[in-house]
Amino acid sequence: MKWVEALRASVRPIITYAFFILFATVKTAALFKLLDQGVGITDGLIAVWDAETQALFAAVMSFWFGQRALAKYRGYRS
């Protein structure tokens, strides 16, 4: 069944998109809350884009794009 394979292949990307949207919504809400409390935009962005967020962002980018680069280097198709 071709549609089952397509659905199976789309699970990881759909979950990734859903979590990214949730993550972006939470970070945006946190930034707006900081701005509402009188924090400047620069300080608010620095507070929202903290070390944990940077590490998470790097891990996600490495997972999605590093995996493809390694597979290409090894001669596999991702």
PDB file of N, CA and C in Angstrom:
ATOM      1  N   MET A   1       0.839  -1.176   0.000  1.00  0.00           N
ATOM      2  CA  MET A   1       0.000   0.000   0.000  1.00  0.00           C
ATOM      3  C   MET A   1       0.888   1.245   0.000  1.00  0.00           C
ATOM      4  N   LYS A   2       0.775   1.957  -1.072  1.00  0.00           N
ATOM      5  CA  LYS A   2       1.621   3.125  -1.270  1.00  0.00           C
ATOM      6  C   LYS A   2       1.292   4.249  -0.280  1.00  0.00           C
ATOM      7  N   TRP A   3       0.022   4.434   0.050  1.00  0.00           N
ATOM      8  CA  TRP A   3      -0.355   5.516   0.959  1.00  0.00           C
ATOM      9  C   TRP A   3       0.148   5.257   2.375  1.00  0.00           C
ATOM     10  N   VAL A   4       0.254   3.996   2.772  1.00  0.00           N
ATOM     11  CA  VAL A   4       0.776   3.662   4.092  1.00  0.00           C
ATOM     12  C   VAL A   4       2.246   4.044   4.172  1.00  0.00           C
ATOM     13  N   GLU A   5       2.983   3.759   3.106  1.00  0.00           N
ATOM     14  CA  GLU A   5       4.406   4.136   3.067  1.00  0.00           C
ATOM     15  C   GLU A   5       4.564   5.647   3.099  1.00  0.00           C
ATOM     16  N   ALA A   6       3.710   6.356   2.382  1.00  0.00           N
ATOM     17  CA  ALA A   6       3.775   7.825   2.383  1.00  0.00           C
ATOM     18  C   ALA A   6       3.453   8.373   3.769  1.00  0.00           C
ATOM     19  N   LEU A   7       2.444   7.807   4.409  1.00  0.00           N
ATOM     20  CA  LEU A   7       2.091   8.235   5.757  1.00  0.00           C
ATOM     21  C   LEU A   7       3.225   7.940   6.734  1.00  0.00           C
ATOM     22  N   ARG A   8       3.797   6.767   6.606  1.00  0.00           N
ATOM     23  CA  ARG A   8       4.913   6.370   7.470  1.00  0.00           C
ATOM     24  C   ARG A   8       6.102   7.307   7.301  1.00  0.00           C
ATOM     25  N   ALA A   9       6.385   7.703   6.082  1.00  0.00           N
ATOM     26  CA  ALA A   9       7.514   8.593   5.807  1.00  0.00           C
ATOM     27  C   ALA A   9       7.249  10.013   6.291  1.00  0.00           C
ATOM     28  N   SER A  10       5.986  10.389   6.455  1.00  0.00           N
ATOM     29  CA  SER A  10       5.669  11.769   6.837  1.00  0.00           C
ATOM     30  C   SER A  10       5.555  11.966   8.347  1.00  0.00           C
ATOM     31  N   VAL A  11       5.632  10.914   9.138  1.00  0.00           N
ATOM     32  CA  VAL A  11       5.429  11.046  10.580  1.00  0.00           C
ATOM     33  C   VAL A  11       6.488  11.938  11.220  1.00  0.00           C
ATOM     34  N   ARG A  12       7.760  11.657  10.977  1.00  0.00           N
ATOM     35  CA  ARG A  12       8.830  12.462  11.590  1.00  0.00           C
ATOM     36  C   ARG A  12       8.762  13.931  11.176  1.00  0.00           C
ATOM     37  N   PRO A  13       8.610  14.235   9.892  1.00  0.00           N
ATOM     38  CA  PRO A  13       8.509  15.655   9.535  1.00  0.00           C
ATOM     39  C   PRO A  13       7.299  16.357  10.146  1.00  0.00           C
ATOM     40  N   ILE A  14       6.157  15.689  10.190  1.00  0.00           N
ATOM     41  CA  ILE A  14       4.961  16.313  10.762  1.00  0.00           C
ATOM     42  C   ILE A  14       5.149  16.573  12.244  1.00  0.00           C
ATOM     43  N   ILE A  15       5.710  15.617  12.965  1.00  0.00           N
ATOM     44  CA  ILE A  15       5.976  15.826  14.393  1.00  0.00           C
ATOM     45  C   ILE A  15       6.986  16.948  14.585  1.00  0.00           C
ATOM     46  N   THR A  16       8.007  16.995  13.738  1.00  0.00           N
ATOM     47  CA  THR A  16       8.998  18.071  13.822  1.00  0.00           C
ATOM     48  C   THR A  16       8.346  19.426  13.586  1.00  0.00           C
ATOM     49  N   TYR A  17       7.513  19.541  12.569  1.00  0.00           N
ATOM     50  CA  TYR A  17       6.822  20.807  12.296  1.00  0.00           C
ATOM     51  C   TYR A  17       5.919  21.205  13.456  1.00  0.00           C
ATOM     52  N   ALA A  18       5.196  20.247  14.004  1.00  0.00           N
ATOM     53  CA  ALA A  18       4.285  20.547  15.116  1.00  0.00           C
ATOM     54  C   ALA A  18       5.055  21.046  16.335  1.00  0.00           C
ATOM     55  N   PHE A  19       6.154  20.378  16.663  1.00  0.00           N
ATOM     56  CA  PHE A  19       6.941  20.824  17.806  1.00  0.00           C
ATOM     57  C   PHE A  19       7.629  22.157  17.539  1.00  0.00           C
ATOM     58  N   PHE A  20       8.048  22.388  16.305  1.00  0.00           N
ATOM     59  CA  PHE A  20       8.641  23.686  15.979  1.00  0.00           C
ATOM     60  C   PHE A  20       7.626  24.800  16.133  1.00  0.00           C
ATOM     61  N   ILE A  21       6.427  24.580  15.667  1.00  0.00           N
ATOM     62  CA  ILE A  21       5.377  25.599  15.804  1.00  0.00           C
ATOM     63  C   ILE A  21       5.087  25.860  17.283  1.00  0.00           C
ATOM     64  N   LEU A  22       4.986  24.800  18.072  1.00  0.00           N
ATOM     65  CA  LEU A  22       4.772  24.956  19.509  1.00  0.00           C
ATOM     66  C   LEU A  22       5.934  25.712  20.158  1.00  0.00           C
ATOM     67  N   PHE A  23       7.153  25.325  19.828  1.00  0.00           N
ATOM     68  CA  PHE A  23       8.349  25.967  20.370  1.00  0.00           C
ATOM     69  C   PHE A  23       8.396  27.451  20.001  1.00  0.00           C
ATOM     70  N   ALA A  24       8.160  27.751  18.726  1.00  0.00           N
ATOM     71  CA  ALA A  24       8.173  29.140  18.270  1.00  0.00           C
ATOM     72  C   ALA A  24       7.071  29.951  18.947  1.00  0.00           C
ATOM     73  N   THR A  25       5.922  29.352  19.160  1.00  0.00           N
ATOM     74  CA  THR A  25       4.819  30.038  19.834  1.00  0.00           C
ATOM     75  C   THR A  25       5.183  30.368  21.281  1.00  0.00           C
ATOM     76  N   VAL A  26       5.780  29.415  21.979  1.00  0.00           N
ATOM     77  CA  VAL A  26       6.173  29.640  23.373  1.00  0.00           C
ATOM     78  C   VAL A  26       7.242  30.724  23.452  1.00  0.00           C
ATOM     79  N   LYS A  27       8.246  30.657  22.584  1.00  0.00           N
ATOM     80  CA  LYS A  27       9.318  31.658  22.598  1.00  0.00           C
ATOM     81  C   LYS A  27       8.789  33.044  22.228  1.00  0.00           C
ATOM     82  N   THR A  28       7.879  33.105  21.270  1.00  0.00           N
ATOM     83  CA  THR A  28       7.281  34.389  20.884  1.00  0.00           C
ATOM     84  C   THR A  28       6.448  34.958  22.027  1.00  0.00           C
ATOM     85  N   ALA A  29       5.676  34.110  22.685  1.00  0.00           N
ATOM     86  CA  ALA A  29       4.884  34.566  23.829  1.00  0.00           C
ATOM     87  C   ALA A  29       5.796  35.065  24.951  1.00  0.00           C
ATOM     88  N   ALA A  30       6.900  34.365  25.188  1.00  0.00           N
ATOM     89  CA  ALA A  30       7.849  34.800  26.221  1.00  0.00           C
ATOM     90  C   ALA A  30       8.440  36.158  25.860  1.00  0.00           C
ATOM     91  N   LEU A  31       8.781  36.350  24.594  1.00  0.00           N
ATOM     92  CA  LEU A  31       9.331  37.641  24.165  1.00  0.00           C
ATOM     93  C   LEU A  31       8.301  38.754  24.349  1.00  0.00           C
ATOM     94  N   PHE A  32       7.062  38.512  23.938  1.00  0.00           N
ATOM     95  CA  PHE A  32       6.025  39.536  24.102  1.00  0.00           C
ATOM     96  C   PHE A  32       5.769  39.844  25.570  1.00  0.00           C
ATOM     97  N   LYS A  33       5.834  38.834  26.415  1.00  0.00           N
ATOM     98  CA  LYS A  33       5.651  39.056  27.855  1.00  0.00           C
ATOM     99  C   LYS A  33       6.783  39.929  28.396  1.00  0.00           C
ATOM    100  N   LEU A  34       8.007  39.649  27.987  1.00  0.00           N
ATOM    101  CA  LEU A  34       9.144  40.473  28.413  1.00  0.00           C
ATOM    102  C   LEU A  34       8.987  41.912  27.911  1.00  0.00           C
ATOM    103  N   LEU A  35       8.571  42.072  26.670  1.00  0.00           N
ATOM    104  CA  LEU A  35       8.365  43.415  26.120  1.00  0.00           C
ATOM    105  C   LEU A  35       7.264  44.150  26.874  1.00  0.00           C
ATOM    106  N   ASP A  36       6.223  43.422  27.252  1.00  0.00           N
ATOM    107  CA  ASP A  36       5.118  44.003  28.012  1.00  0.00           C
ATOM    108  C   ASP A  36       5.567  44.465  29.393  1.00  0.00           C
ATOM    109  N   GLN A  37       6.590  43.795  29.931  1.00  0.00           N
ATOM    110  CA  GLN A  37       7.114  44.162  31.248  1.00  0.00           C
ATOM    111  C   GLN A  37       8.147  45.282  31.175  1.00  0.00           C
ATOM    112  N   GLY A  38       8.376  45.815  29.984  1.00  0.00           N
ATOM    113  CA  GLY A  38       9.268  46.947  29.827  1.00  0.00           C
ATOM    114  C   GLY A  38      10.696  46.599  29.441  1.00  0.00           C
ATOM    115  N   VAL A  39      10.955  45.341  29.156  1.00  0.00           N
ATOM    116  CA  VAL A  39      12.292  44.944  28.713  1.00  0.00           C
ATOM    117  C   VAL A  39      12.461  45.382  27.265  1.00  0.00           C
ATOM    118  N   GLY A  40      13.627  45.876  26.915  1.00  0.00           N
ATOM    119  CA  GLY A  40      13.897  46.296  25.541  1.00  0.00           C
ATOM    120  C   GLY A  40      13.959  45.101  24.604  1.00  0.00           C
ATOM    121  N   ILE A  41      13.794  45.376  23.317  1.00  0.00           N
ATOM    122  CA  ILE A  41      13.764  44.302  22.325  1.00  0.00           C
ATOM    123  C   ILE A  41      15.080  43.536  22.290  1.00  0.00           C
ATOM    124  N   THR A  42      16.199  44.232  22.375  1.00  0.00           N
ATOM    125  CA  THR A  42      17.505  43.558  22.338  1.00  0.00           C
ATOM    126  C   THR A  42      17.678  42.649  23.540  1.00  0.00           C
ATOM    127  N   ASP A  43      17.383  43.171  24.727  1.00  0.00           N
ATOM    128  CA  ASP A  43      17.503  42.350  25.933  1.00  0.00           C
ATOM    129  C   ASP A  43      16.503  41.197  25.927  1.00  0.00           C
ATOM    130  N   GLY A  44      15.324  41.441  25.394  1.00  0.00           N
ATOM    131  CA  GLY A  44      14.318  40.382  25.317  1.00  0.00           C
ATOM    132  C   GLY A  44      14.753  39.254  24.387  1.00  0.00           C
ATOM    133  N   LEU A  45      15.308  39.626  23.244  1.00  0.00           N
ATOM    134  CA  LEU A  45      15.783  38.605  22.312  1.00  0.00           C
ATOM    135  C   LEU A  45      16.948  37.810  22.897  1.00  0.00           C
ATOM    136  N   ILE A  46      17.831  38.488  23.598  1.00  0.00           N
ATOM    137  CA  ILE A  46      18.953  37.800  24.245  1.00  0.00           C
ATOM    138  C   ILE A  46      18.421  36.834  25.310  1.00  0.00           C
ATOM    139  N   ALA A  47      17.415  37.267  26.065  1.00  0.00           N
ATOM    140  CA  ALA A  47      16.844  36.411  27.105  1.00  0.00           C
ATOM    141  C   ALA A  47      16.139  35.196  26.506  1.00  0.00           C
ATOM    142  N   VAL A  48      15.448  35.384  25.399  1.00  0.00           N
ATOM    143  CA  VAL A  48      14.703  34.292  24.782  1.00  0.00           C
ATOM    144  C   VAL A  48      15.644  33.331  24.048  1.00  0.00           C
ATOM    145  N   TRP A  49      16.682  33.876  23.426  1.00  0.00           N
ATOM    146  CA  TRP A  49      17.636  33.056  22.674  1.00  0.00           C
ATOM    147  C   TRP A  49      18.803  32.704  23.593  1.00  0.00           C
ATOM    148  N   ASP A  50      18.516  31.902  24.613  1.00  0.00           N
ATOM    149  CA  ASP A  50      19.508  31.551  25.627  1.00  0.00           C
ATOM    150  C   ASP A  50      20.349  30.357  25.176  1.00  0.00           C
ATOM    151  N   ALA A  51      21.290  29.943  26.028  1.00  0.00           N
ATOM    152  CA  ALA A  51      22.214  28.857  25.679  1.00  0.00           C
ATOM    153  C   ALA A  51      21.482  27.545  25.427  1.00  0.00           C
ATOM    154  N   GLU A  52      20.441  27.258  26.195  1.00  0.00           N
ATOM    155  CA  GLU A  52      19.689  26.023  25.995  1.00  0.00           C
ATOM    156  C   GLU A  52      18.973  26.029  24.646  1.00  0.00           C
ATOM    157  N   THR A  53      18.422  27.171  24.275  1.00  0.00           N
ATOM    158  CA  THR A  53      17.745  27.294  22.987  1.00  0.00           C
ATOM    159  C   THR A  53      18.741  27.127  21.850  1.00  0.00           C
ATOM    160  N   GLN A  54      19.911  27.726  21.983  1.00  0.00           N
ATOM    161  CA  GLN A  54      20.944  27.598  20.959  1.00  0.00           C
ATOM    162  C   GLN A  54      21.377  26.143  20.803  1.00  0.00           C
ATOM    163  N   ALA A  55      21.537  25.440  21.912  1.00  0.00           N
ATOM    164  CA  ALA A  55      21.933  24.031  21.860  1.00  0.00           C
ATOM    165  C   ALA A  55      20.843  23.182  21.209  1.00  0.00           C
ATOM    166  N   LEU A  56      19.595  23.449  21.546  1.00  0.00           N
ATOM    167  CA  LEU A  56      18.486  22.714  20.952  1.00  0.00           C
ATOM    168  C   LEU A  56      18.403  22.968  19.450  1.00  0.00           C
ATOM    169  N   PHE A  57      18.565  24.225  19.064  1.00  0.00           N
ATOM    170  CA  PHE A  57      18.546  24.596  17.651  1.00  0.00           C
ATOM    171  C   PHE A  57      19.669  23.883  16.900  1.00  0.00           C
ATOM    172  N   ALA A  58      20.867  23.875  17.474  1.00  0.00           N
ATOM    173  CA  ALA A  58      22.003  23.205  16.844  1.00  0.00           C
ATOM    174  C   ALA A  58      21.758  21.705  16.717  1.00  0.00           C
ATOM    175  N   ALA A  59      21.162  21.101  17.733  1.00  0.00           N
ATOM    176  CA  ALA A  59      20.887  19.667  17.686  1.00  0.00           C
ATOM    177  C   ALA A  59      19.888  19.332  16.591  1.00  0.00           C
ATOM    178  N   VAL A  60      18.854  20.129  16.471  1.00  0.00           N
ATOM    179  CA  VAL A  60      17.834  19.879  15.439  1.00  0.00           C
ATOM    180  C   VAL A  60      18.431  20.058  14.048  1.00  0.00           C
ATOM    181  N   MET A  61      19.195  21.124  13.847  1.00  0.00           N
ATOM    182  CA  MET A  61      19.818  21.355  12.539  1.00  0.00           C
ATOM    183  C   MET A  61      20.801  20.237  12.203  1.00  0.00           C
ATOM    184  N   SER A  62      21.557  19.799  13.193  1.00  0.00           N
ATOM    185  CA  SER A  62      22.508  18.705  12.966  1.00  0.00           C
ATOM    186  C   SER A  62      21.781  17.421  12.622  1.00  0.00           C
ATOM    187  N   PHE A  63      20.687  17.167  13.302  1.00  0.00           N
ATOM    188  CA  PHE A  63      19.926  15.953  13.043  1.00  0.00           C
ATOM    189  C   PHE A  63      19.404  15.931  11.611  1.00  0.00           C
ATOM    190  N   TRP A  64      18.739  17.028  11.210  1.00  0.00           N
ATOM    191  CA  TRP A  64      18.102  17.031   9.899  1.00  0.00           C
ATOM    192  C   TRP A  64      19.092  17.177   8.758  1.00  0.00           C
ATOM    193  N   PHE A  65      20.048  18.086   8.905  1.00  0.00           N
ATOM    194  CA  PHE A  65      20.935  18.361   7.776  1.00  0.00           C
ATOM    195  C   PHE A  65      22.245  17.590   7.868  1.00  0.00           C
ATOM    196  N   GLY A  66      22.738  17.345   9.057  1.00  0.00           N
ATOM    197  CA  GLY A  66      23.951  16.557   9.219  1.00  0.00           C
ATOM    198  C   GLY A  66      23.740  15.122   8.804  1.00  0.00           C
ATOM    199  N   GLN A  67      22.571  14.592   9.098  1.00  0.00           N
ATOM    200  CA  GLN A  67      22.234  13.221   8.724  1.00  0.00           C
ATOM    201  C   GLN A  67      22.270  13.065   7.206  1.00  0.00           C
ATOM    202  N   ARG A  68      21.760  14.029   6.498  1.00  0.00           N
ATOM    203  CA  ARG A  68      21.763  13.963   5.031  1.00  0.00           C
ATOM    204  C   ARG A  68      23.174  14.071   4.477  1.00  0.00           C
ATOM    205  N   ALA A  69      23.965  14.972   5.065  1.00  0.00           N
ATOM    206  CA  ALA A  69      25.339  15.140   4.599  1.00  0.00           C
ATOM    207  C   ALA A  69      26.152  13.873   4.830  1.00  0.00           C
ATOM    208  N   LEU A  70      25.990  13.259   5.996  1.00  0.00           N
ATOM    209  CA  LEU A  70      26.712  12.016   6.273  1.00  0.00           C
ATOM    210  C   LEU A  70      26.249  10.894   5.351  1.00  0.00           C
ATOM    211  N   ALA A  71      24.967  10.795   5.135  1.00  0.00           N
ATOM    212  CA  ALA A  71      24.447   9.764   4.241  1.00  0.00           C
ATOM    213  C   ALA A  71      24.980   9.971   2.821  1.00  0.00           C
ATOM    214  N   LYS A  72      25.028  11.204   2.364  1.00  0.00           N
ATOM    215  CA  LYS A  72      25.556  11.499   1.042  1.00  0.00           C
ATOM    216  C   LYS A  72      27.038  11.162   0.968  1.00  0.00           C
ATOM    217  N   TYR A  73      27.752  11.500   2.025  1.00  0.00           N
ATOM    218  CA  TYR A  73      29.185  11.206   2.078  1.00  0.00           C
ATOM    219  C   TYR A  73      29.428   9.687   2.036  1.00  0.00           C
ATOM    220  N   ARG A  74      28.590   8.940   2.710  1.00  0.00           N
ATOM    221  CA  ARG A  74      28.736   7.481   2.758  1.00  0.00           C
ATOM    222  C   ARG A  74      28.174   6.788   1.524  1.00  0.00           C
ATOM    223  N   GLY A  75      27.451   7.538   0.687  1.00  0.00           N
ATOM    224  CA  GLY A  75      26.918   6.964  -0.534  1.00  0.00           C
ATOM    225  C   GLY A  75      25.507   6.425  -0.419  1.00  0.00           C
ATOM    226  N   TYR A  76      24.846   6.707   0.723  1.00  0.00           N
ATOM    227  CA  TYR A  76      23.467   6.270   0.902  1.00  0.00           C
ATOM    228  C   TYR A  76      22.520   7.367   0.471  1.00  0.00           C
ATOM    229  N   ARG A  77      21.307   6.954   0.260  1.00  0.00           N
ATOM    230  CA  ARG A  77      20.258   7.925  -0.063  1.00  0.00           C
ATOM    231  C   ARG A  77      19.362   8.096   1.132  1.00  0.00           C
ATOM    232  N   SER A  78      19.134   9.368   1.575  1.00  0.00           N
ATOM    233  CA  SER A  78      18.253   9.589   2.724  1.00  0.00           C
ATOM    234  C   SER A  78      16.854   9.905   2.314  1.00  0.00           C
TER     235      SER A  78
END
